[in-house]
C-alpha atoms as a PDB file:
ATOM      1  CA  MET A   1       0.000   0.000   0.000  1.00  0.00           C
ATOM      2  CA  THR A   2       1.425   3.399  -0.964  1.00  0.00           C
ATOM      3  CA  SER A   3       1.683   6.296   1.515  1.00  0.00           C
ATOM      4  CA  HIS A   4      -1.005   8.097  -0.513  1.00  0.00           C
ATOM      5  CA  GLU A   5      -3.375   5.142  -0.125  1.00  0.00           C
ATOM      6  CA  THR A   6      -2.541   4.822   3.576  1.00  0.00           C
ATOM      7  CA  THR A   7      -3.340   8.501   4.173  1.00  0.00           C
ATOM      8  CA  TYR A   8      -6.614   8.120   2.268  1.00  0.00           C
ATOM      9  CA  LEU A   9      -7.651   5.187   4.484  1.00  0.00           C
ATOM     10  CA  THR A  10      -6.336   6.419   7.835  1.00  0.00           C
ATOM     11  CA  ALA A  11      -9.060   7.509  10.254  1.00  0.00           C
ATOM     12  CA  ASN A  12      -7.639  10.870  11.375  1.00  0.00           C
ATOM     13  CA  ILE A  13     -10.332  13.404  10.427  1.00  0.00           C
ATOM     14  CA  PRO A  14     -12.567  14.795  13.233  1.00  0.00           C
ATOM     15  CA  VAL A  15     -16.257  14.514  12.446  1.00  0.00           C
ATOM     16  CA  PHE A  16     -17.362  18.141  12.981  1.00  0.00           C
ATOM     17  CA  LEU A  17     -18.166  18.704   9.297  1.00  0.00           C
ATOM     18  CA  LEU A  18     -20.003  15.397   8.871  1.00  0.00           C
ATOM     19  CA  ARG A  19     -22.053  15.992  12.016  1.00  0.00           C
ATOM     20  CA  CYS A  20     -23.165  19.373  10.649  1.00  0.00           C
ATOM     21  CA  LEU A  21     -23.944  17.790   7.284  1.00  0.00           C
ATOM     22  CA  THR A  22     -26.277  15.185   8.778  1.00  0.00           C
ATOM     23  CA  SER A  23     -27.984  17.896  10.828  1.00  0.00           C
ATOM     24  CA  THR A  24     -28.484  19.973   7.671  1.00  0.00           C
ATOM     25  CA  LEU A  25     -30.035  17.030   5.845  1.00  0.00           C
ATOM     26  CA  ALA A  26     -32.476  16.538   8.709  1.00  0.00           C
ATOM     27  CA  ASP A  27     -33.388  20.243   8.531  1.00  0.00           C
ATOM     28  CA  LEU A  28     -34.064  19.830   4.813  1.00  0.00           C
ATOM     29  CA  GLY A  29     -36.420  16.910   5.469  1.00  0.00           C
ATOM     30  CA  PHE A  30     -34.131  13.989   4.578  1.00  0.00           C
ATOM     31  CA  GLU A  31     -33.314  10.892   6.652  1.00  0.00           C
ATOM     32  CA  PRO A  32     -29.572  11.075   7.458  1.00  0.00           C
ATOM     33  CA  GLY A  33     -29.505   7.600   9.017  1.00  0.00           C
ATOM     34  CA  ARG A  34     -29.198   6.117   5.531  1.00  0.00           C
ATOM     35  CA  LEU A  35     -25.858   7.809   4.944  1.00  0.00           C
ATOM     36  CA  THR A  36     -23.748   5.637   7.219  1.00  0.00           C
ATOM     37  CA  ARG A  37     -24.976   2.242   6.026  1.00  0.00           C
ATOM     38  CA  GLY A  38     -22.006  -0.006   5.268  1.00  0.00           C
ATOM     39  CA  LEU A  39     -19.377   2.576   6.236  1.00  0.00           C
ATOM     40  CA  GLY A  40     -18.588   1.226   9.685  1.00  0.00           C
ATOM     41  CA  LEU A  41     -20.163   4.329  11.255  1.00  0.00           C
ATOM     42  CA  SER A  42     -23.409   5.310  12.899  1.00  0.00           C
ATOM     43  CA  LEU A  43     -25.050   8.676  13.496  1.00  0.00           C
ATOM     44  CA  ASP A  44     -24.198   8.274  17.178  1.00  0.00           C
ATOM     45  CA  ASP A  45     -20.513   8.032  16.246  1.00  0.00           C
ATOM     46  CA  LEU A  46     -20.758  11.471  14.634  1.00  0.00           C
ATOM     47  CA  THR A  47     -21.725  12.975  17.993  1.00  0.00           C
ATOM     48  CA  ASP A  48     -18.606  11.546  19.687  1.00  0.00           C
ATOM     49  CA  PRO A  49     -15.808  14.165  19.832  1.00  0.00           C
ATOM     50  CA  SER A  50     -13.191  11.400  19.867  1.00  0.00           C
ATOM     51  CA  CYS A  51     -14.513   9.821  16.655  1.00  0.00           C
ATOM     52  CA  ARG A  52     -12.270  10.035  13.602  1.00  0.00           C
ATOM     53  CA  VAL A  53     -13.013   8.997  10.016  1.00  0.00           C
ATOM     54  CA  SER A  54     -10.864   8.352   6.997  1.00  0.00           C
ATOM     55  CA  PHE A  55     -11.061  10.526   3.910  1.00  0.00           C
ATOM     56  CA  ARG A  56     -12.594   7.521   2.140  1.00  0.00           C
ATOM     57  CA  GLN A  57     -15.411   7.296   4.693  1.00  0.00           C
ATOM     58  CA  GLY A  58     -16.009  11.049   4.664  1.00  0.00           C
ATOM     59  CA  ARG A  59     -15.971  11.176   0.897  1.00  0.00           C
ATOM     60  CA  GLU A  60     -18.523   8.373   0.585  1.00  0.00           C
ATOM     61  CA  LEU A  61     -20.837   9.919   3.189  1.00  0.00           C
ATOM     62  CA  ILE A  62     -20.726  13.285   1.396  1.00  0.00           C
ATOM     63  CA  ARG A  63     -21.270  11.654  -1.993  1.00  0.00           C
ATOM     64  CA  ARG A  64     -24.374   9.903  -0.669  1.00  0.00           C
ATOM     65  CA  ALA A  65     -25.656  13.139   0.878  1.00  0.00           C
ATOM     66  CA  LEU A  66     -25.270  14.958  -2.433  1.00  0.00           C
ATOM     67  CA  ASP A  67     -27.136  12.185  -4.205  1.00  0.00           C
ATOM     68  CA  MET A  68     -29.912  12.333  -1.589  1.00  0.00           C
ATOM     69  CA  ALA A  69     -30.297  16.126  -1.737  1.00  0.00           C
ATOM     70  CA  ARG A  70     -29.966  16.756  -5.458  1.00  0.00           C
ATOM     71  CA  GLY A  71     -30.847  20.312  -6.418  1.00  0.00           C
ATOM     72  CA  HIS A  72     -30.046  21.745  -3.006  1.00  0.00           C
ATOM     73  CA  ALA A  73     -27.056  23.990  -2.334  1.00  0.00           C
ATOM     74  CA  LEU A  74     -25.963  21.433   0.228  1.00  0.00           C
ATOM     75  CA  GLY A  75     -22.440  22.726   0.862  1.00  0.00           C
ATOM     76  CA  LEU A  76     -23.659  26.291   1.382  1.00  0.00           C
ATOM     77  CA  GLU A  77     -26.606  25.142   3.487  1.00  0.00           C
ATOM     78  CA  THR A  78     -24.246  23.155   5.719  1.00  0.00           C
ATOM     79  CA  GLY A  79     -21.605  25.842   6.104  1.00  0.00           C
ATOM     80  CA  ILE A  80     -24.029  28.639   6.869  1.00  0.00           C
ATOM     81  CA  ARG A  81     -25.471  26.607   9.764  1.00  0.00           C
ATOM     82  CA  GLU A  82     -22.075  26.253  11.423  1.00  0.00           C
ATOM     83  CA  ARG A  83     -20.820  28.563  14.141  1.00  0.00           C
ATOM     84  CA  ILE A  84     -17.322  29.141  15.447  1.00  0.00           C
ATOM     85  CA  THR A  85     -18.084  26.703  18.264  1.00  0.00           C
ATOM     86  CA  SER A  86     -19.004  23.996  15.717  1.00  0.00           C
ATOM     87  CA  ILE A  87     -15.301  23.232  15.248  1.00  0.00           C
ATOM     88  CA  GLY A  88     -14.715  22.270  18.856  1.00  0.00           C
ATOM     89  CA  LEU A  89     -11.957  23.627  21.075  1.00  0.00           C
ATOM     90  CA  VAL A  90     -10.230  25.310  18.139  1.00  0.00           C
ATOM     91  CA  GLY A  91     -13.233  27.627  17.915  1.00  0.00           C
ATOM     92  CA  TYR A  92     -12.936  28.557  21.577  1.00  0.00           C
ATOM     93  CA  ALA A  93      -9.209  29.169  21.130  1.00  0.00           C
ATOM     94  CA  MET A  94      -9.996  31.514  18.230  1.00  0.00           C
ATOM     95  CA  ILE A  95     -12.559  33.469  20.265  1.00  0.00           C
ATOM     96  CA  THR A  96      -9.971  34.241  22.945  1.00  0.00           C
ATOM     97  CA  CYS A  97      -7.359  35.562  20.469  1.00  0.00           C
ATOM     98  CA  PRO A  98      -6.438  39.284  20.651  1.00  0.00           C
ATOM     99  CA  THR A  99      -7.490  40.162  17.086  1.00  0.00           C
ATOM    100  CA  VAL A 100      -9.386  38.817  14.093  1.00  0.00           C
ATOM    101  CA  GLY A 101      -6.107  38.281  12.257  1.00  0.00           C
ATOM    102  CA  ASP A 102      -4.725  36.215  15.134  1.00  0.00           C
ATOM    103  CA  ALA A 103      -7.904  34.147  15.255  1.00  0.00           C
ATOM    104  CA  ILE A 104      -7.901  33.393  11.516  1.00  0.00           C
ATOM    105  CA  ALA A 105      -4.197  32.532  11.537  1.00  0.00           C
ATOM    106  CA  LEU A 106      -4.721  30.157  14.464  1.00  0.00           C
ATOM    107  CA  GLY A 107      -7.700  28.498  12.792  1.00  0.00           C
ATOM    108  CA  LEU A 108      -5.654  27.848   9.654  1.00  0.00           C
ATOM    109  CA  THR A 109      -2.703  26.560  11.672  1.00  0.00           C
ATOM    110  CA  LEU A 110      -5.008  24.077  13.401  1.00  0.00           C
ATOM    111  CA  GLN A 111      -7.165  23.341  10.354  1.00  0.00           C
ATOM    112  CA  LYS A 112      -6.672  19.576  10.571  1.00  0.00           C
ATOM    113  CA  ASP A 113      -8.099  19.648  14.101  1.00  0.00           C
ATOM    114  CA  THR A 114     -11.332  21.169  12.781  1.00  0.00           C
ATOM    115  CA  GLY A 115     -12.272  18.252  10.512  1.00  0.00           C
ATOM    116  CA  SER A 116     -11.474  20.025   7.263  1.00  0.00           C
ATOM    117  CA  MET A 117     -11.106  17.800   4.212  1.00  0.00           C
ATOM    118  CA  LEU A 118      -9.408  20.583   2.215  1.00  0.00           C
ATOM    119  CA  GLU A 119      -6.074  22.377   2.588  1.00  0.00           C
ATOM    120  CA  PHE A 120      -6.049  26.149   3.130  1.00  0.00           C
ATOM    121  CA  ASP A 121      -3.256  28.653   2.544  1.00  0.00           C
ATOM    122  CA  MET A 122      -3.365  32.345   3.420  1.00  0.00           C
ATOM    123  CA  ARG A 123      -1.488  35.288   1.939  1.00  0.00           C
ATOM    124  CA  SER A 124      -1.766  39.074   2.061  1.00  0.00           C
ATOM    125  CA  GLU A 125      -1.532  41.224  -1.041  1.00  0.00           C
ATOM    126  CA  ALA A 126      -2.610  44.744  -2.020  1.00  0.00           C
ATOM    127  CA  GLY A 127      -4.625  45.329   1.142  1.00  0.00           C
ATOM    128  CA  GLU A 128      -6.413  41.983   0.889  1.00  0.00           C
ATOM    129  CA  VAL A 129      -6.242  38.691   2.749  1.00  0.00           C
ATOM    130  CA  VAL A 130      -6.602  35.749   0.358  1.00  0.00           C
ATOM    131  CA  ILE A 131      -7.441  32.277   1.681  1.00  0.00           C
ATOM    132  CA  VAL A 132      -7.001  29.663  -1.045  1.00  0.00           C
ATOM    133  CA  ALA A 133      -8.640  26.223  -0.844  1.00  0.00           C
ATOM    134  CA  SER A 134      -7.063  23.177  -2.460  1.00  0.00           C
ATOM    135  CA  SER A 135      -7.804  19.456  -2.410  1.00  0.00           C
ATOM    136  CA  ARG A 136      -6.055  17.026  -0.109  1.00  0.00           C
ATOM    137  CA  PHE A 137      -7.106  14.308  -2.561  1.00  0.00           C
ATOM    138  CA  PRO A 138      -8.324  14.947  -6.125  1.00  0.00           C
ATOM    139  CA  ASP A 139     -12.035  14.163  -6.005  1.00  0.00           C
ATOM    140  CA  PRO A 140     -14.214  16.177  -8.404  1.00  0.00           C
ATOM    141  CA  GLU A 141     -17.426  14.591  -7.079  1.00  0.00           C
ATOM    142  CA  ILE A 142     -17.216  16.314  -3.702  1.00  0.00           C
ATOM    143  CA  HIS A 143     -14.781  19.195  -4.319  1.00  0.00           C
ATOM    144  CA  ALA A 144     -17.425  21.857  -4.947  1.00  0.00           C
ATOM    145  CA  PHE A 145     -19.334  20.761  -1.839  1.00  0.00           C
ATOM    146  CA  LEU A 146     -16.208  21.041   0.311  1.00  0.00           C
ATOM    147  CA  VAL A 147     -15.409  24.538  -0.986  1.00  0.00           C
ATOM    148  CA  GLU A 148     -19.012  25.685  -0.516  1.00  0.00           C
ATOM    149  CA  GLU A 149     -19.117  24.355   3.042  1.00  0.00           C
ATOM    150  CA  ALA A 150     -15.751  25.881   3.933  1.00  0.00           C
ATOM    151  CA  PHE A 151     -16.394  29.346   2.513  1.00  0.00           C
ATOM    152  CA  ALA A 152     -19.917  29.557   3.947  1.00  0.00           C
ATOM    153  CA  SER A 153     -18.546  28.526   7.348  1.00  0.00           C
ATOM    154  CA  PHE A 154     -15.860  31.230   6.981  1.00  0.00           C
ATOM    155  CA  MET A 155     -18.719  33.734   6.756  1.00  0.00           C
ATOM    156  CA  GLN A 156     -20.285  32.462   9.954  1.00  0.00           C
ATOM    157  CA  VAL A 157     -16.958  32.295  11.817  1.00  0.00           C
ATOM    158  CA  ALA A 158     -16.139  35.873  10.798  1.00  0.00           C
ATOM    159  CA  ARG A 159     -19.565  37.101  11.891  1.00  0.00           C
ATOM    160  CA  ASP A 160     -19.199  35.320  15.224  1.00  0.00           C
ATOM    161  CA  LEU A 161     -15.918  37.196  15.672  1.00  0.00           C
ATOM    162  CA  VAL A 162     -16.893  40.699  14.510  1.00  0.00           C
ATOM    163  CA  GLY A 163     -20.644  40.759  13.935  1.00  0.00           C
ATOM    164  CA  ASP A 164     -23.022  40.769  10.970  1.00  0.00           C
ATOM    165  CA  SER A 165     -21.284  43.716   9.338  1.00  0.00           C
ATOM    166  CA  PHE A 166     -18.559  41.429   7.957  1.00  0.00           C
ATOM    167  CA  ARG A 167     -18.468  41.048   4.179  1.00  0.00           C
ATOM    168  CA  PRO A 168     -15.772  39.528   1.988  1.00  0.00           C
ATOM    169  CA  ARG A 169     -14.523  41.553  -0.968  1.00  0.00           C
ATOM    170  CA  ARG A 170     -15.102  38.723  -3.377  1.00  0.00           C
ATOM    171  CA  VAL A 171     -15.241  34.940  -3.675  1.00  0.00           C
ATOM    172  CA  ASP A 172     -13.513  33.084  -6.535  1.00  0.00           C
ATOM    173  CA  LEU A 173     -14.466  29.509  -7.434  1.00  0.00           C
ATOM    174  CA  ALA A 174     -12.419  27.159  -9.587  1.00  0.00           C
ATOM    175  CA  TYR A 175     -15.445  25.312 -10.963  1.00  0.00           C
ATOM    176  CA  PRO A 176     -18.415  26.146 -13.221  1.00  0.00           C
ATOM    177  CA  ALA A 177     -21.434  28.014 -11.873  1.00  0.00           C
ATOM    178  CA  PRO A 178     -24.136  25.703 -10.487  1.00  0.00           C
ATOM    179  CA  ALA A 179     -27.876  26.225 -10.970  1.00  0.00           C
ATOM    180  CA  TYR A 180     -28.179  27.892  -7.554  1.00  0.00           C
ATOM    181  CA  VAL A 181     -25.869  30.855  -8.208  1.00  0.00           C
ATOM    182  CA  ALA A 182     -28.336  33.158  -6.463  1.00  0.00           C
ATOM    183  CA  THR A 183     -27.715  31.323  -3.191  1.00  0.00           C
ATOM    184  CA  TYR A 184     -24.010  32.191  -3.406  1.00  0.00           C
ATOM    185  CA  ARG A 185     -24.773  35.869  -3.859  1.00  0.00           C
ATOM    186  CA  ARG A 186     -27.290  35.848  -1.009  1.00  0.00           C
ATOM    187  CA  ILE A 187     -24.899  34.200   1.440  1.00  0.00           C
ATOM    188  CA  PHE A 188     -21.712  36.078   0.592  1.00  0.00           C
ATOM    189  CA  GLY A 189     -23.186  39.454  -0.364  1.00  0.00           C
ATOM    190  CA  CYS A 190     -20.272  40.229  -2.680  1.00  0.00           C
ATOM    191  CA  GLU A 191     -18.917  39.545  -6.158  1.00  0.00           C
ATOM    192  CA  VAL A 192     -18.776  35.791  -6.833  1.00  0.00           C
ATOM    193  CA  SER A 193     -16.811  34.566  -9.868  1.00  0.00           C
ATOM    194  CA  PHE A 194     -16.790  31.015 -11.237  1.00  0.00           C
ATOM    195  CA  GLY A 195     -14.310  29.259 -13.525  1.00  0.00           C
ATOM    196  CA  GLN A 196     -11.347  30.973 -11.831  1.00  0.00           C
ATOM    197  CA  PRO A 197      -7.779  29.602 -11.582  1.00  0.00           C
ATOM    198  CA  ALA A 198      -8.246  28.887  -7.855  1.00  0.00           C
ATOM    199  CA  SER A 199     -10.957  28.865  -5.214  1.00  0.00           C
ATOM    200  CA  ALA A 200     -10.315  31.796  -2.877  1.00  0.00           C
ATOM    201  CA  PHE A 201     -12.094  33.696  -0.109  1.00  0.00           C
ATOM    202  CA  ILE A 202     -10.887  37.318  -0.143  1.00  0.00           C
ATOM    203  CA  TYR A 203     -11.526  40.003   2.468  1.00  0.00           C
ATOM    204  CA  ASP A 204     -10.219  43.448   3.354  1.00  0.00           C
ATOM    205  CA  GLN A 205      -7.014  43.307   5.389  1.00  0.00           C
ATOM    206  CA  ALA A 206      -8.376  46.012   7.692  1.00  0.00           C
ATOM    207  CA  TRP A 207     -10.511  43.349   9.368  1.00  0.00           C
ATOM    208  CA  SER A 208      -7.362  41.597  10.610  1.00  0.00           C
ATOM    209  CA  SER A 209      -6.475  44.343  13.091  1.00  0.00           C
ATOM    210  CA  ARG A 210      -9.980  44.440  14.609  1.00  0.00           C
ATOM    211  CA  PRO A 211      -9.676  43.575  18.355  1.00  0.00           C
ATOM    212  CA  LEU A 212     -11.934  40.874  19.735  1.00  0.00           C
ATOM    213  CA  ASN A 213     -14.217  41.662  22.667  1.00  0.00           C
ATOM    214  CA  THR A 214     -13.880  38.032  23.799  1.00  0.00           C
ATOM    215  CA  ALA A 215     -10.059  38.126  23.955  1.00  0.00           C
ATOM    216  CA  ASP A 216      -8.621  36.637  27.138  1.00  0.00           C
ATOM    217  CA  LEU A 217      -4.904  35.851  27.396  1.00  0.00           C
ATOM    218  CA  LEU A 218      -5.168  33.413  30.309  1.00  0.00           C
ATOM    219  CA  SER A 219      -8.042  31.408  28.814  1.00  0.00           C
ATOM    220  CA  HIS A 220      -6.328  31.452  25.418  1.00  0.00           C
ATOM    221  CA  ARG A 221      -3.119  30.035  26.862  1.00  0.00           C
ATOM    222  CA  GLN A 222      -5.026  27.429  28.839  1.00  0.00           C
ATOM    223  CA  ILE A 223      -6.909  26.189  25.757  1.00  0.00           C
ATOM    224  CA  LEU A 224      -3.738  26.067  23.629  1.00  0.00           C
ATOM    225  CA  GLU A 225      -1.869  24.104  26.293  1.00  0.00           C
ATOM    226  CA  PHE A 226      -4.735  21.634  26.494  1.00  0.00           C
ATOM    227  CA  LEU A 227      -4.833  21.309  22.706  1.00  0.00           C
ATOM    228  CA  ASP A 228      -1.058  20.764  22.571  1.00  0.00           C
ATOM    229  CA  HIS A 229      -1.246  18.069  25.245  1.00  0.00           C
ATOM    230  CA  HIS A 230      -4.239  16.420  23.590  1.00  0.00           C
ATOM    231  CA  ARG A 231      -2.584  16.536  20.167  1.00  0.00           C
ATOM    232  CA  ALA A 232       0.664  15.009  21.470  1.00  0.00           C
ATOM    233  CA  ARG A 233      -1.240  12.225  23.188  1.00  0.00           C
ATOM    234  CA  ASN A 234      -3.336  11.596  20.079  1.00  0.00           C
ATOM    235  CA  ARG A 235      -0.191  11.522  17.941  1.00  0.00           C
ATOM    236  CA  GLN A 236       1.435   8.927  20.212  1.00  0.00           C
ATOM    237  CA  ALA A 237      -1.767   6.890  20.279  1.00  0.00           C
ATOM    238  CA  ALA A 238      -2.164   7.155  16.505  1.00  0.00           C
ATOM    239  CA  GLU A 239       1.364   5.872  15.913  1.00  0.00           C
ATOM    240  CA  VAL A 240       0.834   2.756  18.011  1.00  0.00           C
ATOM    241  CA  ILE A 241      -2.760   2.123  16.941  1.00  0.00           C
ATOM    242  CA  SER A 242      -2.018   2.723  13.244  1.00  0.00           C
ATOM    243  CA  SER A 243       0.932   0.319  13.418  1.00  0.00           C
ATOM    244  CA  VAL A 244      -1.223  -2.397  14.980  1.00  0.00           C
ATOM    245  CA  GLU A 245      -4.041  -1.787  12.494  1.00  0.00           C
ATOM    246  CA  ARG A 246      -1.617  -1.903   9.552  1.00  0.00           C
ATOM    247  CA  ILE A 247      -0.301  -5.307  10.636  1.00  0.00           C
ATOM    248  CA  LEU A 248      -3.831  -6.555  11.267  1.00  0.00           C
ATOM    249  CA  ARG A 249      -4.988  -5.486   7.793  1.00  0.00           C
ATOM    250  CA  GLN A 250      -2.114  -7.386   6.232  1.00  0.00           C
ATOM    251  CA  ASN A 251      -2.811 -10.572   8.204  1.00  0.00           C
ATOM    252  CA  LEU A 252      -6.565 -10.770   8.798  1.00  0.00           C
ATOM    253  CA  ARG A 253      -6.863 -14.108   7.076  1.00  0.00           C
ATOM    254  CA  GLY A 254      -3.997 -15.534   9.121  1.00  0.00           C
ATOM    255  CA  HIS A 255      -5.577 -15.111  12.584  1.00  0.00           C
ATOM    256  CA  PRO A 256      -3.148 -12.473  13.898  1.00  0.00           C
ATOM    257  CA  GLN A 257      -2.073 -12.760  17.525  1.00  0.00           C
ATOM    258  CA  ILE A 258      -1.057  -9.895  19.780  1.00  0.00           C
ATOM    259  CA  ALA A 259       2.183 -11.574  20.826  1.00  0.00           C
ATOM    260  CA  ALA A 260       3.401 -11.758  17.222  1.00  0.00           C
ATOM    261  CA  ILE A 261       2.381  -8.154  16.557  1.00  0.00           C
ATOM    262  CA  ALA A 262       4.185  -6.995  19.700  1.00  0.00           C
ATOM    263  CA  ARG A 263       7.373  -8.730  18.524  1.00  0.00           C
ATOM    264  CA  GLU A 264       7.070  -7.039  15.138  1.00  0.00           C
ATOM    265  CA  LEU A 265       6.788  -3.675  16.929  1.00  0.00           C
ATOM    266  CA  CYS A 266       9.838  -4.525  19.087  1.00  0.00           C
ATOM    267  CA  MET A 267       8.009  -4.557  22.402  1.00  0.00           C
ATOM    268  CA  SER A 268       6.635  -7.133  24.799  1.00  0.00           C
ATOM    269  CA  GLU A 269       3.029  -8.272  24.682  1.00  0.00           C
ATOM    270  CA  ARG A 270       2.498  -6.793  28.135  1.00  0.00           C
ATOM    271  CA  THR A 271       3.832  -3.394  27.041  1.00  0.00           C
ATOM    272  CA  LEU A 272       1.634  -3.346  23.940  1.00  0.00           C
ATOM    273  CA  ARG A 273      -1.463  -4.259  25.938  1.00  0.00           C
ATOM    274  CA  ARG A 274      -0.669  -1.537  28.480  1.00  0.00           C
ATOM    275  CA  ARG A 275      -0.167   1.116  25.799  1.00  0.00           C
ATOM    276  CA  LEU A 276      -3.395   0.221  24.058  1.00  0.00           C
ATOM    277  CA  SER A 277      -5.219   0.337  27.386  1.00  0.00           C
ATOM    278  CA  ASP A 278      -3.727   3.765  28.135  1.00  0.00           C
ATOM    279  CA  TYR A 279      -5.159   4.991  24.822  1.00  0.00           C
ATOM    280  CA  GLY A 280      -8.604   3.598  25.615  1.00  0.00           C
ATOM    281  CA  VAL A 281      -8.627   0.656  23.178  1.00  0.00           C
ATOM    282  CA  SER A 282      -7.972  -3.064  23.315  1.00  0.00           C
ATOM    283  CA  PHE A 283      -6.349  -5.456  20.887  1.00  0.00           C
ATOM    284  CA  GLN A 284      -9.660  -7.249  20.406  1.00  0.00           C
ATOM    285  CA  SER A 285     -11.486  -3.993  19.595  1.00  0.00           C
ATOM    286  CA  LEU A 286      -8.860  -3.128  16.955  1.00  0.00           C
ATOM    287  CA  LEU A 287      -9.089  -6.627  15.483  1.00  0.00           C
ATOM    288  CA  ASP A 288     -12.882  -6.459  15.427  1.00  0.00           C
ATOM    289  CA  GLY A 289     -12.714  -2.998  13.845  1.00  0.00           C
ATOM    290  CA  GLN A 290     -10.459  -4.161  11.038  1.00  0.00           C
ATOM    291  CA  ARG A 291     -12.553  -7.279  10.442  1.00  0.00           C
ATOM    292  CA  LYS A 292     -15.739  -5.209  10.396  1.00  0.00           C
ATOM    293  CA  THR A 293     -14.300  -2.614   7.995  1.00  0.00           C
ATOM    294  CA  ARG A 294     -12.961  -5.264   5.619  1.00  0.00           C
ATOM    295  CA  ALA A 295     -16.196  -7.278   5.740  1.00  0.00           C
ATOM    296  CA  LEU A 296     -18.261  -4.193   4.909  1.00  0.00           C
ATOM    297  CA  GLU A 297     -15.984  -3.442   1.953  1.00  0.00           C
ATOM    298  CA  LEU A 298     -16.240  -7.012   0.652  1.00  0.00           C
ATOM    299  CA  LEU A 299     -20.030  -7.071   0.999  1.00  0.00           C
ATOM    300  CA  GLY A 300     -20.107  -4.541  -1.824  1.00  0.00           C
ATOM    301  CA  ASN A 301     -18.738  -7.206  -4.174  1.00  0.00           C
ATOM    302  CA  PRO A 302     -21.698  -9.395  -5.216  1.00  0.00           C
ATOM    303  CA  GLN A 303     -19.307 -12.011  -6.633  1.00  0.00           C
ATOM    304  CA  LEU A 304     -18.174 -13.009  -3.137  1.00  0.00           C
ATOM    305  CA  SER A 305     -20.260 -15.335  -0.990  1.00  0.00           C
ATOM    306  CA  ILE A 306     -20.752 -14.736   2.715  1.00  0.00           C
ATOM    307  CA  GLU A 307     -18.571 -17.789   3.384  1.00  0.00           C
ATOM    308  CA  GLN A 308     -15.737 -16.351   1.273  1.00  0.00           C
ATOM    309  CA  ILE A 309     -15.985 -13.024   3.122  1.00  0.00           C
ATOM    310  CA  ALA A 310     -15.909 -14.814   6.475  1.00  0.00           C
ATOM    311  CA  PHE A 311     -12.726 -16.625   5.486  1.00  0.00           C
ATOM    312  CA  ALA A 312     -11.140 -13.424   4.142  1.00  0.00           C
ATOM    313  CA  VAL A 313     -11.537 -11.647   7.498  1.00  0.00           C
ATOM    314  CA  GLY A 314     -10.210 -14.544   9.593  1.00  0.00           C
ATOM    315  CA  PHE A 315     -13.193 -16.760  10.445  1.00  0.00           C
ATOM    316  CA  THR A 316     -13.076 -20.485   9.729  1.00  0.00           C
ATOM    317  CA  ASP A 317     -16.733 -20.915  10.694  1.00  0.00           C
ATOM    318  CA  PRO A 318     -19.291 -18.765   8.769  1.00  0.00           C
ATOM    319  CA  HIS A 319     -21.724 -19.141  11.689  1.00  0.00           C
ATOM    320  CA  ASN A 320     -19.253 -17.436  14.037  1.00  0.00           C
ATOM    321  CA  PHE A 321     -18.735 -14.699  11.444  1.00  0.00           C
ATOM    322  CA  ARG A 322     -22.476 -14.047  11.179  1.00  0.00           C
ATOM    323  CA  ARG A 323     -22.757 -13.871  14.964  1.00  0.00           C
ATOM    324  CA  ALA A 324     -19.814 -11.455  15.206  1.00  0.00           C
ATOM    325  CA  PHE A 325     -21.163  -9.355  12.328  1.00  0.00           C
ATOM    326  CA  ARG A 326     -24.521  -8.986  14.062  1.00  0.00           C
ATOM    327  CA  ARG A 327     -22.691  -7.855  17.203  1.00  0.00           C
ATOM    328  CA  TRP A 328     -20.707  -5.261  15.196  1.00  0.00           C
ATOM    329  CA  THR A 329     -23.556  -3.872  13.103  1.00  0.00           C
ATOM    330  CA  GLY A 330     -26.877  -5.069  14.557  1.00  0.00           C
ATOM    331  CA  SER A 331     -27.621  -6.818  11.257  1.00  0.00           C
ATOM    332  CA  THR A 332     -26.707  -9.995   9.383  1.00  0.00           C
ATOM    333  CA  PRO A 333     -24.281  -9.859   6.420  1.00  0.00           C
ATOM    334  CA  GLY A 334     -26.974 -10.962   3.984  1.00  0.00           C
ATOM    335  CA  SER A 335     -29.619  -8.452   5.062  1.00  0.00           C
ATOM    336  CA  LEU A 336     -27.123  -5.602   5.176  1.00  0.00           C
ATOM    337  CA  ARG A 337     -25.892  -6.484   1.681  1.00  0.00           C
ATOM    338  CA  ARG A 338     -29.486  -6.350   0.413  1.00  0.00           C
ATOM    339  CA  ASP A 339     -30.098  -3.023   2.191  1.00  0.00           C
ATOM    340  CA  MET A 340     -26.884  -1.518   0.817  1.00  0.00           C
ATOM    341  CA  HIS A 341     -27.833  -2.453  -2.724  1.00  0.00           C
ATOM    342  CA  ALA A 342     -31.398  -1.172  -2.298  1.00  0.00           C
ATOM    343  CA  ILE A 343     -30.369   2.159  -0.804  1.00  0.00           C
ATOM    344  CA  TRP A 344     -27.210   2.818  -2.804  1.00  0.00           C
ATOM    345  CA  PRO A 345     -27.363   0.761  -6.033  1.00  0.00           C
ATOM    346  CA  GLU A 346     -24.280   0.940  -8.213  1.00  0.00           C
END
């Protein structure tokens, strides 16, 4: 597996955006529970601040949402419902910054902690601040949605910081105009241009020096120290957990044992168990998670029988696989395969 593929499949994206998306769908009269079928997620998972998803999972959930809500400006509708507190502790850290410029710079520095599925770069030129959005992975199906959601949320974040008087100078989009152009103009209240070389959110640099009424140096420092500690702990946990999951993925069919994995990671079994426990997981939960994820992927292939899938994820007895699968998902492999095909036919 290449590093690009590993990054695409690694569950390291907070679920703030996806939680807001499912809430938006409910507001629009759709049933968001259908979105997570077969992805190894539930709607309850999206309310857990510790939950992380891979880009693949996020991409598929967004793609399904777009298919469900055809004709709606779904990215804009999602972003405009978000507030600065919708991005977790990063939002609170931004509120306590001295100025708007400090808050925006901090938000961009910590963008991966906010659940963003894009990359953002900021530059200043000719009295303007330009925030450019680019793809972490090339995916035309969801790119416009991600830009819409991000730029609309920028509007709400800025208004939470300085009030409803905020307006960008202009918004550039690197894709063709959709049918709902009027929604763009209503939300942004400025010039909006499509088919541009890059997608950019541009505002007057004078906003950057505006002091924040909510600034508080002590609270700001306290939040940043907590975020630093939390990030370091998550990074250490991610290194160990990702290593175990990588070895499990490569050996699911071979009934992987924790002792062998510990030796491969150059530590004792006792040390590995203790580290996993410190990070709030167990070896069995990681093994079950990898088996569940792989089984759900294989269920999408109608050429494979349930017995073949059971064997592929490390079960010698299909009955035991069905029992485990029901424990993981609340459904049987056969019924879930039928539901997946009925809800999301290829």
